[in-house]
Amino acid sequence: MTQVVKARIFRREYRDSMVLMLLSARLEKLPGVLKAAAVMGTDANKELLSVMGLGVPGVSEAGASDLLVVLRATDSDSASGALARLEEMLAGEMPGPGSGEVFYRSLEGAVAGLPGANLAVISLPGAHAAREARKALDLGLHVFLFSDHVPLDEEIALKKAGRERGLLVMGPDCGTALIDGLGVGFANAVRRGPVGIVGASGTGIQEVSVLLHRAGLGVSHALGTGGRDLSSEVGGIATFQSIGLLEEDPRTEVLVLLAKSPSAEMAGILRARLKSCPKPSVACFLGQAGEEDDPPFHRVSTLAKAARKAARLAGSTAGEFGEAPALLSRLAGQESRRLQPQQRFVRGLFSGGSLCREALCLWRDLLGPVDSQAAPPPEASPSGPTGGPGHLALDLGDDFFTAGRLHPMIDPGIRRERLLQEAEDPSAAVIVFDVVLGHGSHPDMAGALLPAIVEARSRALSRGRYLSFVAHVVGTEEDPQKAGDQENRLRSAGVVVASTNADAALIAAQITLGFTSSNWRMRKGSHWAISSGSGFRFPGGRHLMTLQMYTSLRSSFMPLTLMSVSNCPARSRMSPP
């Protein structure tokens, strides 16, 4: 039967992003509805609807202040019935009298009603968010700007205005902050402690704060800046303000700075600023290879290493984060031996952008080309937002995937769909995913994903293939979902669970390459050649590895041994030693 797409426009009917995402999720639960998107009628949203296959005549008539709802259904009656429920849903979206919550019609009214407040949290469409953020600054409030699609020139103007007033603008597109122990946006329940974090990335902040908590330490403050703050246009306004605030904070003893691939010029400026700081600092620039130890400044290559270095600088005697390398190697070997020769690729399905970027950087060092829309320009996916064949790392929290639907930390739908899609690909060897816990996240994400994992593996087995799954849970026992419970649920379904995102990425690479540590033998030359043991599945029993790949593996967890023999020309075939 032919599917039907219908739309409805509500003129000058504004709803914030959280209400829109919840509305989309509720519509998709109605009988016969296959896909639903509730968005404000901005040009960017209308373009995304077209890409999603939800562009129909009439959609172009919606304006930026109009509520636009589009859905695809199995038949016309189902589509019409769902649209008929819209007004009922919209009328019941807000708590009524007696709910215990207080609602103000304006920022001015809220400030009058809460005279001690000093922070405004803004989640509005980008076209309206800047105006409200400007009002908040005029009222003397710091700003946590959750909204995305805020024009760049507006961001620059807001941050300059905040700096002039001694106020911090976190965002736009800021997902996480921890201020005096209070989580804002997506945040985990972690103890207070001596480490202050500045991050352009929400899940990067979550990963580091959780690992510090697990090491027995805690966080003084974690300040988000927004993903564009370190661009040459913005110039790191919020980042440098945040460093200054933590520098002056008596409870902060160690600073951690997290960023995604800043330019070489900006990285140098940040390094100089942190070098001048009287407190020790740790920087993790995802995508920048190598490490530095130039006290008081230290630079590392992964989020786990950032947490470990900060913990040690704060006086912690905690050991290494994550599982023992031998255990990871053994688990990888057990998984790899069950794969078929044609299963050669890793597929990463992440809800966190920083977690995706970290895995992407590790995989490109170890596996070669990896398709991803999370890569910085001009390295982004040539196959579009959904990726193509081969190794793949997807940030499913990207605007393309979240248009009109809940973020994948809240709604498991997009990852369940993609898990089943990957199960159909005979070249997929291992699927990697994160489970991000905390306030604002799904109450049982592991439980919500398990049916899709079981079904995906069952489909693969029905075609004579085994499908491996590797996961990392970002959370603590104090989170409402309890990290241990989530990890145990995943392990019960045969998922390999790693203690850090970097370990999850590395063990997936090890499974994909099809080796265990006992199988490695190297020859010295312009490239390193690997001669296979029983666990190898490379054609001819040999594979070439760059020195960078070898260094990454050895520094991560692989106990490799070099055999110094004759020189090996790059990309040449070699006979077994």
Protein backbone atom coordinates (compact mmCIF):
# COMPACT_ATOMS: atom_id res chain seq x y z
CA MET A 1 0.00 0.00 0.00
CA THR A 2 1.29 3.51 -0.88
CA GLN A 3 2.45 5.56 2.09
CA VAL A 4 0.95 9.00 2.67
CA VAL A 5 2.68 12.21 3.82
CA LYS A 6 0.55 15.02 5.27
CA ALA A 7 1.33 18.33 6.95
CA ARG A 8 -0.36 20.94 9.08
CA ILE A 9 0.71 24.50 9.84
CA PHE A 10 -0.26 26.31 13.06
CA ARG A 11 0.17 30.02 12.41
CA ARG A 12 2.16 31.98 15.04
CA GLU A 13 2.07 29.01 17.40
CA TYR A 14 5.46 28.83 19.10
CA ARG A 15 6.67 25.75 21.03
CA ASP A 16 10.15 25.23 22.48
CA SER A 17 12.42 22.48 21.24
CA MET A 18 11.70 20.04 24.07
CA VAL A 19 7.92 20.25 23.50
CA LEU A 20 8.47 19.76 19.76
CA MET A 21 10.59 16.65 20.30
CA LEU A 22 8.07 15.16 22.72
CA LEU A 23 5.25 15.92 20.31
CA SER A 24 7.08 14.13 17.49
CA ALA A 25 7.65 11.10 19.70
CA ARG A 26 3.98 10.96 20.76
CA LEU A 27 2.78 11.19 17.16
CA GLU A 28 5.05 8.32 16.10
CA LYS A 29 3.35 6.09 18.68
CA LEU A 30 -0.06 6.52 17.05
CA PRO A 31 -1.42 3.66 14.88
CA GLY A 32 -0.20 3.76 11.30
CA VAL A 33 2.28 6.63 11.80
CA LEU A 34 5.74 5.73 10.44
CA LYS A 35 7.53 9.04 10.87
CA ALA A 36 6.60 12.39 12.42
CA ALA A 37 8.37 15.72 12.73
CA ALA A 38 7.16 18.75 14.68
CA VAL A 39 9.36 21.79 14.04
CA MET A 40 9.23 25.54 13.79
CA GLY A 41 8.96 26.58 10.15
CA THR A 42 12.46 27.98 9.69
CA ASP A 43 14.19 27.65 6.33
CA ALA A 44 16.76 25.28 7.88
CA ASN A 45 14.03 23.02 9.29
CA LYS A 46 12.12 22.97 6.01
CA GLU A 47 15.28 21.95 4.19
CA LEU A 48 15.85 19.13 6.69
CA LEU A 49 12.27 17.93 6.23
CA SER A 50 12.88 17.70 2.50
CA VAL A 51 16.04 15.65 3.05
CA MET A 52 14.09 13.36 5.40
CA GLY A 53 11.50 12.72 2.68
CA LEU A 54 8.85 14.78 4.47
CA GLY A 55 8.70 17.64 2.02
CA VAL A 56 5.16 18.08 0.69
CA PRO A 57 3.30 20.93 -1.05
CA GLY A 58 2.39 23.59 1.47
CA VAL A 59 5.37 23.14 3.77
CA SER A 60 7.14 26.07 2.11
CA GLU A 61 4.30 28.36 3.24
CA ALA A 62 5.27 27.99 6.93
CA GLY A 63 7.15 30.89 8.47
CA ALA A 64 9.77 30.88 11.22
CA SER A 65 7.12 31.69 13.87
CA ASP A 66 4.74 28.94 12.68
CA LEU A 67 4.50 25.44 14.11
CA LEU A 68 4.88 22.89 11.31
CA VAL A 69 3.92 19.23 11.76
CA VAL A 70 4.58 16.67 9.01
CA LEU A 71 4.05 12.93 9.20
CA ARG A 72 4.29 9.84 7.04
CA ALA A 73 1.67 7.14 7.59
CA THR A 74 0.68 3.80 6.13
CA ASP A 75 -2.58 5.23 4.72
CA SER A 76 -4.60 8.42 4.45
CA ASP A 77 -6.95 7.58 7.35
CA SER A 78 -4.06 7.03 9.74
CA ALA A 79 -2.44 10.32 8.70
CA SER A 80 -5.69 12.24 9.07
CA GLY A 81 -6.41 10.64 12.43
CA ALA A 82 -2.98 11.56 13.76
CA LEU A 83 -3.32 15.17 12.63
CA ALA A 84 -6.73 15.33 14.28
CA ARG A 85 -5.06 14.46 17.61
CA LEU A 86 -2.64 17.37 17.37
CA GLU A 87 -4.76 20.01 19.05
CA GLU A 88 -5.55 17.63 21.91
CA MET A 89 -1.84 16.93 22.36
CA LEU A 90 -0.90 20.59 22.21
CA ALA A 91 -3.58 21.52 24.72
CA GLY A 92 -2.31 18.93 27.18
CA GLU A 93 1.42 19.63 26.84
CA MET A 94 1.84 21.91 29.89
CA PRO A 95 1.25 21.03 33.55
CA GLY A 96 -1.95 22.50 34.89
CA PRO A 97 -2.69 24.31 38.17
CA GLY A 98 -1.63 22.33 41.21
CA SER A 99 1.33 20.70 39.45
CA GLY A 100 3.71 22.43 41.86
CA GLU A 101 5.56 24.20 39.03
CA VAL A 102 5.56 27.96 38.58
CA PHE A 103 5.45 29.47 35.08
CA TYR A 104 6.37 33.03 34.17
CA ARG A 105 5.36 34.70 30.94
CA SER A 106 8.61 36.64 30.58
CA LEU A 107 12.21 36.77 31.76
CA GLU A 108 11.41 39.99 33.56
CA GLY A 109 8.65 38.26 35.51
CA ALA A 110 10.92 35.34 36.37
CA VAL A 111 13.66 37.63 37.68
CA ALA A 112 11.10 39.48 39.80
CA GLY A 113 9.77 36.19 41.16
CA LEU A 114 13.25 34.70 41.77
CA PRO A 115 15.40 37.63 42.89
CA GLY A 116 18.41 35.42 43.73
CA ALA A 117 18.65 33.83 40.28
CA ASN A 118 21.76 34.60 38.21
CA LEU A 119 21.47 32.13 35.30
CA ALA A 120 18.98 31.92 32.43
CA VAL A 121 18.58 28.62 30.57
CA ILE A 122 17.28 29.28 27.05
CA SER A 123 15.92 26.62 24.70
CA LEU A 124 14.21 28.34 21.79
CA PRO A 125 14.51 28.19 17.99
CA GLY A 126 17.68 29.94 16.89
CA ALA A 127 15.77 32.82 15.31
CA HIS A 128 14.28 33.75 18.71
CA ALA A 129 16.99 32.53 21.09
CA ALA A 130 19.41 35.41 20.56
CA ARG A 131 16.74 37.99 21.41
CA GLU A 132 15.92 36.28 24.71
CA ALA A 133 19.60 35.79 25.51
CA ARG A 134 20.15 39.51 25.01
CA LYS A 135 17.30 40.23 27.43
CA ALA A 136 18.89 37.91 29.99
CA LEU A 137 22.22 39.74 29.74
CA ASP A 138 20.44 43.09 30.15
CA LEU A 139 18.89 41.68 33.35
CA GLY A 140 22.31 40.73 34.70
CA LEU A 141 22.02 36.98 34.10
CA HIS A 142 24.60 34.52 32.85
CA VAL A 143 23.22 32.53 29.90
CA PHE A 144 23.11 28.80 29.20
CA LEU A 145 22.04 28.73 25.55
CA PHE A 146 20.84 25.21 24.70
CA SER A 147 19.44 26.36 21.34
CA ASP A 148 21.14 25.64 18.04
CA HIS A 149 20.81 27.37 14.65
CA VAL A 150 21.77 30.71 16.22
CA PRO A 151 23.48 32.79 13.50
CA LEU A 152 27.21 33.16 13.97
CA ASP A 153 27.13 36.95 14.04
CA GLU A 154 24.51 36.80 16.80
CA GLU A 155 26.71 34.46 18.85
CA ILE A 156 29.68 36.79 18.53
CA ALA A 157 27.58 39.82 19.53
CA LEU A 158 26.10 38.00 22.55
CA LYS A 159 29.45 36.80 23.83
CA LYS A 160 31.03 40.22 23.44
CA ALA A 161 28.10 41.82 25.25
CA GLY A 162 28.38 39.24 28.04
CA ARG A 163 32.11 39.79 28.39
CA GLU A 164 31.60 43.55 28.67
CA ARG A 165 29.12 42.97 31.52
CA GLY A 166 31.22 40.31 33.25
CA LEU A 167 28.66 37.65 32.30
CA LEU A 168 29.25 34.27 30.68
CA VAL A 169 27.34 33.07 27.59
CA MET A 170 27.56 29.27 27.42
CA GLY A 171 26.54 28.21 23.94
CA PRO A 172 24.74 28.27 21.59
CA ASP A 173 24.25 24.53 21.21
CA CYS A 174 25.56 24.02 24.74
CA GLY A 175 24.39 20.69 26.11
CA THR A 176 26.03 20.33 29.52
CA ALA A 177 27.21 22.32 32.53
CA LEU A 178 27.83 21.62 36.20
CA ILE A 179 27.65 24.74 38.34
CA ASP A 180 28.19 24.42 42.08
CA GLY A 181 27.12 20.78 41.82
CA LEU A 182 23.93 21.59 39.89
CA GLY A 183 23.61 19.90 36.52
CA VAL A 184 22.27 21.99 33.65
CA GLY A 185 21.15 20.29 30.44
CA PHE A 186 22.40 16.70 30.13
CA ALA A 187 24.54 16.08 33.22
CA ASN A 188 25.57 13.19 35.45
CA ALA A 189 25.38 12.96 39.23
CA VAL A 190 29.02 13.41 40.25
CA ARG A 191 30.54 14.55 43.53
CA ARG A 192 32.05 17.96 44.09
CA GLY A 193 35.82 18.05 43.92
CA PRO A 194 38.96 19.92 42.91
CA VAL A 195 38.83 19.62 39.09
CA GLY A 196 37.29 22.37 36.97
CA ILE A 197 36.33 21.62 33.36
CA VAL A 198 35.88 23.88 30.35
CA GLY A 199 34.43 22.15 27.32
CA ALA A 200 33.07 22.91 23.89
CA SER A 201 31.44 19.50 24.07
CA GLY A 202 28.65 18.15 26.26
CA THR A 203 29.45 14.44 26.21
CA GLY A 204 33.15 15.21 26.53
CA ILE A 205 32.40 16.98 29.81
CA GLN A 206 30.20 14.06 30.87
CA GLU A 207 32.84 11.44 30.08
CA VAL A 208 35.61 13.24 31.99
CA SER A 209 33.43 14.15 34.99
CA VAL A 210 32.17 10.55 35.28
CA LEU A 211 35.69 9.09 35.10
CA LEU A 212 36.87 11.53 37.79
CA HIS A 213 33.95 10.48 39.96
CA ARG A 214 34.78 6.81 39.47
CA ALA A 215 38.38 7.58 40.51
CA GLY A 216 37.14 9.00 43.81
CA LEU A 217 37.46 12.66 42.86
CA GLY A 218 34.93 15.24 41.76
CA VAL A 219 34.22 18.44 39.83
CA SER A 220 34.16 22.00 41.13
CA HIS A 221 32.45 23.42 38.03
CA ALA A 222 32.09 22.32 34.41
CA LEU A 223 31.41 25.17 32.00
CA GLY A 224 30.23 24.57 28.44
CA THR A 225 31.13 27.04 25.70
CA GLY A 226 29.34 25.85 22.55
CA GLY A 227 30.89 24.11 19.58
CA ARG A 228 31.84 27.25 17.62
CA ASP A 229 33.52 29.14 20.45
CA LEU A 230 37.05 28.19 19.41
CA SER A 231 36.49 29.12 15.78
CA SER A 232 38.60 31.95 14.43
CA GLU A 233 35.45 34.09 14.12
CA VAL A 234 34.38 33.80 17.78
CA GLY A 235 37.92 33.68 19.08
CA GLY A 236 37.29 31.60 22.20
CA ILE A 237 35.49 34.35 24.11
CA ALA A 238 33.59 31.97 26.43
CA THR A 239 36.56 29.61 26.73
CA PHE A 240 38.94 32.31 27.96
CA GLN A 241 36.28 33.72 30.30
CA SER A 242 35.72 30.24 31.75
CA ILE A 243 39.44 29.64 32.25
CA GLY A 244 39.61 32.94 34.12
CA LEU A 245 36.65 32.05 36.32
CA LEU A 246 38.12 28.67 37.28
CA GLU A 247 41.53 30.25 37.80
CA GLU A 248 40.00 32.54 40.42
CA ASP A 249 37.79 29.87 42.00
CA PRO A 250 39.31 28.74 45.34
CA ARG A 251 37.75 25.27 45.08
CA THR A 252 39.35 24.54 41.71
CA GLU A 253 42.87 23.11 41.92
CA VAL A 254 43.26 21.61 38.43
CA LEU A 255 41.84 22.81 35.10
CA VAL A 256 40.78 20.57 32.21
CA LEU A 257 40.11 22.00 28.76
CA LEU A 258 38.26 19.88 26.17
CA ALA A 259 37.90 20.85 22.52
CA LYS A 260 37.29 19.34 19.10
CA SER A 261 40.09 20.00 16.63
CA PRO A 262 40.92 23.69 17.22
CA SER A 263 43.01 25.32 14.54
CA ALA A 264 46.77 25.26 15.03
CA GLU A 265 46.70 29.01 15.73
CA MET A 266 43.94 28.70 18.35
CA ALA A 267 45.61 25.66 19.94
CA GLY A 268 48.78 27.72 20.34
CA ILE A 269 46.89 30.61 21.95
CA LEU A 270 45.16 28.23 24.36
CA ARG A 271 48.44 26.58 25.24
CA ALA A 272 50.02 29.96 26.03
CA ARG A 273 47.02 30.96 28.18
CA LEU A 274 47.10 27.74 30.18
CA LYS A 275 50.88 27.97 30.56
CA SER A 276 50.37 31.33 32.28
CA CYS A 277 47.81 29.87 34.68
CA PRO A 278 49.12 29.34 38.23
CA LYS A 279 47.13 26.10 38.48
CA PRO A 280 48.09 22.89 36.63
CA SER A 281 46.05 22.28 33.51
CA VAL A 282 45.26 19.43 31.12
CA ALA A 283 44.13 19.97 27.53
CA CYS A 284 42.55 17.39 25.25
CA PHE A 285 42.17 18.56 21.67
CA LEU A 286 40.36 15.68 19.94
CA GLY A 287 42.03 15.10 16.61
CA GLN A 288 45.43 16.51 17.58
CA ALA A 289 47.97 13.72 17.80
CA GLY A 290 50.76 13.46 20.34
CA GLU A 291 51.06 14.49 23.96
CA GLU A 292 52.90 17.16 25.94
CA ASP A 293 54.19 17.39 29.50
CA ASP A 294 55.38 20.95 30.05
CA PRO A 295 54.23 21.84 33.59
CA PRO A 296 51.96 23.42 34.49
CA PHE A 297 50.54 22.57 31.06
CA HIS A 298 49.83 19.03 29.90
CA ARG A 299 48.18 17.84 26.68
CA VAL A 300 46.73 14.37 26.06
CA SER A 301 44.96 12.69 23.16
CA THR A 302 41.85 11.08 24.70
CA LEU A 303 39.17 11.99 27.21
CA ALA A 304 40.15 9.11 29.50
CA LYS A 305 43.75 10.29 29.54
CA ALA A 306 42.56 13.81 30.38
CA ALA A 307 40.65 12.48 33.39
CA ARG A 308 43.57 10.30 34.48
CA LYS A 309 46.11 13.13 34.23
CA ALA A 310 43.83 15.55 36.07
CA ALA A 311 43.24 12.98 38.82
CA ARG A 312 46.97 12.52 39.33
CA LEU A 313 47.62 16.26 39.35
CA ALA A 314 44.92 16.55 42.01
CA GLY A 315 46.73 13.98 44.15
CA SER A 316 44.71 10.86 43.39
CA THR A 317 46.47 7.52 43.65
CA ALA A 318 43.85 5.73 41.56
CA GLY A 319 45.26 3.29 39.03
CA GLU A 320 44.63 3.12 35.31
CA PHE A 321 41.11 3.83 34.07
CA GLY A 322 39.42 1.02 32.21
CA GLU A 323 40.02 -2.71 31.96
CA ALA A 324 43.38 -4.40 31.83
CA PRO A 325 44.77 -4.56 28.27
CA ALA A 326 45.04 -8.36 28.43
CA LEU A 327 41.33 -8.67 29.23
CA LEU A 328 40.32 -6.40 26.36
CA SER A 329 42.59 -8.32 24.01
CA ARG A 330 41.11 -11.64 25.10
CA LEU A 331 37.54 -10.37 24.67
CA ALA A 332 38.39 -9.00 21.22
CA GLY A 333 39.91 -12.32 20.19
CA GLN A 334 36.80 -14.21 21.29
CA GLU A 335 34.58 -11.91 19.25
CA SER A 336 36.84 -11.76 16.20
CA ARG A 337 37.08 -15.54 15.79
CA ARG A 338 33.31 -15.70 15.26
CA LEU A 339 33.32 -13.34 12.27
CA GLN A 340 33.27 -14.26 8.59
CA PRO A 341 36.09 -13.15 6.23
CA GLN A 342 33.88 -10.55 4.53
CA GLN A 343 33.07 -8.84 7.84
CA ARG A 344 35.71 -6.11 7.79
CA PHE A 345 34.09 -2.87 8.95
CA VAL A 346 33.29 -1.09 12.21
CA ARG A 347 30.08 0.94 12.55
CA GLY A 348 29.84 3.54 15.31
CA LEU A 349 26.38 4.79 16.33
CA PHE A 350 26.92 7.53 18.90
CA SER A 351 24.54 9.82 20.75
CA GLY A 352 27.41 12.09 21.78
CA GLY A 353 29.31 14.23 19.31
CA SER A 354 32.58 14.26 21.28
CA LEU A 355 32.43 10.52 21.84
CA CYS A 356 31.95 10.06 18.10
CA ARG A 357 34.84 12.41 17.30
CA GLU A 358 37.17 10.61 19.72
CA ALA A 359 36.36 7.22 18.20
CA LEU A 360 36.72 8.64 14.71
CA CYS A 361 40.22 9.94 15.44
CA LEU A 362 41.34 6.62 16.93
CA TRP A 363 39.86 4.59 14.08
CA ARG A 364 41.44 6.74 11.38
CA ASP A 365 44.83 6.13 12.97
CA LEU A 366 44.26 2.39 13.23
CA LEU A 367 41.92 1.47 10.37
CA GLY A 368 42.47 4.08 7.70
CA PRO A 369 39.60 6.02 6.08
CA VAL A 370 36.42 6.29 8.17
CA ASP A 371 33.26 7.92 6.84
CA SER A 372 31.71 10.42 9.27
CA GLN A 373 29.66 13.59 9.28
CA ALA A 374 31.31 14.39 12.64
CA ALA A 375 34.67 15.12 11.03
CA PRO A 376 35.64 18.79 10.68
CA PRO A 377 35.52 20.29 7.17
CA PRO A 378 36.89 19.41 4.66
CA GLU A 379 37.14 15.87 6.05
CA ALA A 380 33.40 15.35 6.65
CA SER A 381 31.57 12.43 5.07
CA PRO A 382 31.59 12.44 1.28
CA SER A 383 28.50 10.22 1.40
CA GLY A 384 26.24 12.71 3.19
CA PRO A 385 25.00 12.72 6.80
CA THR A 386 24.00 9.06 6.80
CA GLY A 387 27.44 7.83 5.69
CA GLY A 388 28.39 5.24 3.13
CA PRO A 389 30.01 1.78 2.92
CA GLY A 390 33.14 0.92 4.85
CA HIS A 391 34.12 2.06 8.34
CA LEU A 392 31.55 4.51 9.71
CA ALA A 393 31.20 6.80 12.74
CA LEU A 394 27.85 8.60 13.05
CA ASP A 395 26.90 11.32 15.52
CA LEU A 396 23.18 10.61 15.76
CA GLY A 397 22.72 13.73 17.89
CA ASP A 398 23.54 15.84 14.83
CA ASP A 399 20.88 18.30 13.66
CA PHE A 400 20.18 16.17 10.59
CA PHE A 401 19.00 13.25 12.73
CA THR A 402 17.25 15.23 15.49
CA ALA A 403 15.09 17.50 13.31
CA GLY A 404 11.60 17.12 14.74
CA ARG A 405 12.49 14.26 17.05
CA LEU A 406 14.03 13.72 20.44
CA HIS A 407 17.79 13.59 20.95
CA PRO A 408 19.12 9.99 20.93
CA MET A 409 20.05 10.34 24.61
CA ILE A 410 16.30 10.55 25.25
CA ASP A 411 14.76 8.60 22.39
CA PRO A 412 16.24 5.22 21.36
CA GLY A 413 14.28 5.17 18.10
CA ILE A 414 16.94 6.40 15.67
CA ARG A 415 19.55 3.97 17.03
CA ARG A 416 17.16 1.01 17.01
CA GLU A 417 16.45 1.75 13.36
CA ARG A 418 20.14 2.02 12.52
CA LEU A 419 21.11 -1.11 14.47
CA LEU A 420 18.69 -3.14 12.39
CA GLN A 421 19.90 -1.47 9.20
CA GLU A 422 23.53 -2.40 9.94
CA ALA A 423 22.54 -6.00 10.63
CA GLU A 424 21.57 -6.30 6.96
CA ASP A 425 25.09 -5.38 5.78
CA PRO A 426 27.25 -8.51 5.32
CA SER A 427 30.44 -6.44 5.64
CA ALA A 428 29.65 -5.10 9.14
CA ALA A 429 31.83 -6.74 11.81
CA VAL A 430 31.15 -4.77 14.98
CA ILE A 431 28.68 -2.09 16.05
CA VAL A 432 29.86 0.39 18.68
CA PHE A 433 27.49 2.60 20.67
CA ASP A 434 27.36 4.73 23.79
CA VAL A 435 24.77 4.81 26.57
CA VAL A 436 24.81 8.25 28.19
CA LEU A 437 23.09 8.37 31.57
CA GLY A 438 22.20 11.22 33.90
CA HIS A 439 19.49 13.79 34.40
CA GLY A 440 17.60 14.47 31.20
CA SER A 441 18.52 11.13 29.60
CA HIS A 442 16.30 8.08 28.94
CA PRO A 443 15.39 6.23 32.18
CA ASP A 444 16.59 2.85 30.81
CA MET A 445 18.45 3.25 27.54
CA ALA A 446 20.16 -0.14 27.77
CA GLY A 447 16.80 -1.83 28.23
CA ALA A 448 15.33 0.16 25.35
CA LEU A 449 18.13 -0.87 22.98
CA LEU A 450 18.30 -4.55 23.95
CA PRO A 451 15.39 -5.75 21.76
CA ALA A 452 17.02 -4.16 18.70
CA ILE A 453 20.41 -5.69 19.59
CA VAL A 454 18.86 -9.14 19.96
CA GLU A 455 16.92 -8.73 16.71
CA ALA A 456 19.96 -7.42 14.80
CA ARG A 457 22.11 -10.32 15.93
CA SER A 458 19.31 -12.76 15.11
CA ARG A 459 19.01 -11.38 11.58
CA ALA A 460 22.75 -11.69 11.06
CA LEU A 461 22.78 -15.27 12.38
CA SER A 462 19.93 -16.19 10.03
CA ARG A 463 22.28 -15.24 7.19
CA GLY A 464 25.19 -17.23 8.59
CA ARG A 465 26.97 -14.29 10.24
CA TYR A 466 27.81 -13.29 13.80
CA LEU A 467 27.53 -9.59 14.70
CA SER A 468 29.64 -8.15 17.51
CA PHE A 469 28.52 -5.29 19.78
CA VAL A 470 30.73 -3.03 21.91
CA ALA A 471 29.34 -0.37 24.24
CA HIS A 472 30.44 2.21 26.77
CA VAL A 473 28.16 3.52 29.53
CA VAL A 474 28.75 7.14 30.58
CA GLY A 475 27.33 7.31 34.08
CA THR A 476 27.67 6.78 37.81
CA GLU A 477 25.87 4.78 40.47
CA GLU A 478 24.34 8.06 41.67
CA ASP A 479 22.63 8.64 38.32
CA PRO A 480 18.92 7.76 38.29
CA GLN A 481 19.61 4.89 35.85
CA LYS A 482 22.60 3.47 37.84
CA ALA A 483 25.57 2.72 35.62
CA GLY A 484 26.17 -0.79 37.02
CA ASP A 485 22.61 -1.88 36.24
CA GLN A 486 22.89 -0.56 32.67
CA GLU A 487 26.23 -2.30 32.11
CA ASN A 488 24.91 -5.61 33.46
CA ARG A 489 21.88 -5.47 31.17
CA LEU A 490 24.12 -5.01 28.16
CA ARG A 491 26.51 -7.81 29.19
CA SER A 492 23.54 -10.14 29.65
CA ALA A 493 22.87 -9.75 25.91
CA GLY A 494 26.47 -10.54 24.95
CA VAL A 495 27.59 -6.92 24.50
CA VAL A 496 31.25 -6.22 25.28
CA VAL A 497 31.19 -3.28 27.73
CA ALA A 498 34.25 -1.02 28.03
CA SER A 499 34.90 1.39 30.90
CA THR A 500 35.92 4.31 28.67
CA ASN A 501 34.89 5.51 25.25
CA ALA A 502 38.47 5.23 24.00
CA ASP A 503 38.65 1.59 25.14
CA ALA A 504 35.38 0.85 23.34
CA ALA A 505 36.79 2.33 20.13
CA LEU A 506 40.10 0.48 20.46
CA ILE A 507 38.60 -2.92 21.22
CA ALA A 508 36.25 -2.49 18.24
CA ALA A 509 39.26 -1.80 16.04
CA GLN A 510 40.96 -4.89 17.43
CA ILE A 511 37.90 -7.03 16.66
CA THR A 512 37.68 -5.61 13.15
CA LEU A 513 41.34 -6.19 12.38
CA GLY A 514 40.95 -9.76 13.58
CA PHE A 515 43.95 -10.23 15.83
CA THR A 516 44.98 -10.91 19.36
CA SER A 517 48.17 -9.64 20.91
CA SER A 518 49.96 -12.97 20.41
CA ASN A 519 49.54 -12.70 16.63
CA TRP A 520 51.65 -9.57 16.09
CA ARG A 521 55.10 -9.63 14.55
CA MET A 522 56.70 -6.53 13.09
CA ARG A 523 59.39 -5.67 10.62
CA LYS A 524 61.19 -2.38 10.70
CA GLY A 525 61.08 0.03 7.76
CA SER A 526 59.29 3.01 6.33
CA HIS A 527 56.08 1.12 7.15
CA TRP A 528 55.55 -1.71 9.60
CA ALA A 529 54.49 -5.03 8.18
CA ILE A 530 52.31 -7.43 10.16
CA SER A 531 52.70 -11.15 9.59
CA SER A 532 49.61 -13.10 10.48
CA GLY A 533 49.08 -15.76 13.07
CA SER A 534 46.03 -17.97 13.35
CA GLY A 535 43.70 -15.09 14.14
CA PHE A 536 44.45 -13.01 11.02
CA ARG A 537 42.02 -12.66 8.16
CA PHE A 538 44.06 -10.45 5.81
CA PRO A 539 44.57 -11.54 2.19
CA GLY A 540 48.01 -13.08 1.87
CA GLY A 541 48.42 -13.09 5.64
CA ARG A 542 50.06 -9.67 5.69
CA HIS A 543 49.00 -6.12 6.41
CA LEU A 544 50.87 -2.83 6.39
CA MET A 545 50.75 -0.48 9.33
CA THR A 546 52.10 3.04 9.59
CA LEU A 547 54.38 3.95 12.46
CA GLN A 548 51.60 6.20 13.80
CA MET A 549 49.20 3.24 13.91
CA TYR A 550 51.79 1.10 15.68
CA THR A 551 52.45 3.84 18.23
CA SER A 552 48.73 4.31 18.86
CA LEU A 553 48.17 0.63 19.55
CA ARG A 554 51.24 0.23 21.72
CA SER A 555 50.44 3.32 23.81
CA SER A 556 46.84 2.21 24.17
CA PHE A 557 46.85 -1.41 25.18
CA MET A 558 48.65 -3.73 22.79
CA PRO A 559 51.87 -5.39 24.06
CA LEU A 560 53.62 -5.37 20.66
CA THR A 561 57.13 -6.59 19.95
CA LEU A 562 59.27 -5.28 17.08
CA MET A 563 61.51 -7.49 14.97
CA SER A 564 64.38 -5.42 13.61
CA VAL A 565 65.23 -6.78 10.16
CA SER A 566 65.73 -5.42 6.68
CA ASN A 567 64.05 -2.25 5.45
CA CYS A 568 60.50 -2.55 4.17
CA PRO A 569 59.38 -0.27 1.32
CA ALA A 570 56.04 1.43 1.89
CA ARG A 571 52.96 -0.60 0.90
CA SER A 572 54.96 -3.56 -0.41
CA ARG A 573 54.22 -7.24 0.06
CA MET A 574 56.51 -9.12 2.40
CA SER A 575 57.22 -12.75 2.98
CA PRO A 576 56.55 -14.19 6.43
CA PRO A 577 59.50 -13.86 8.83
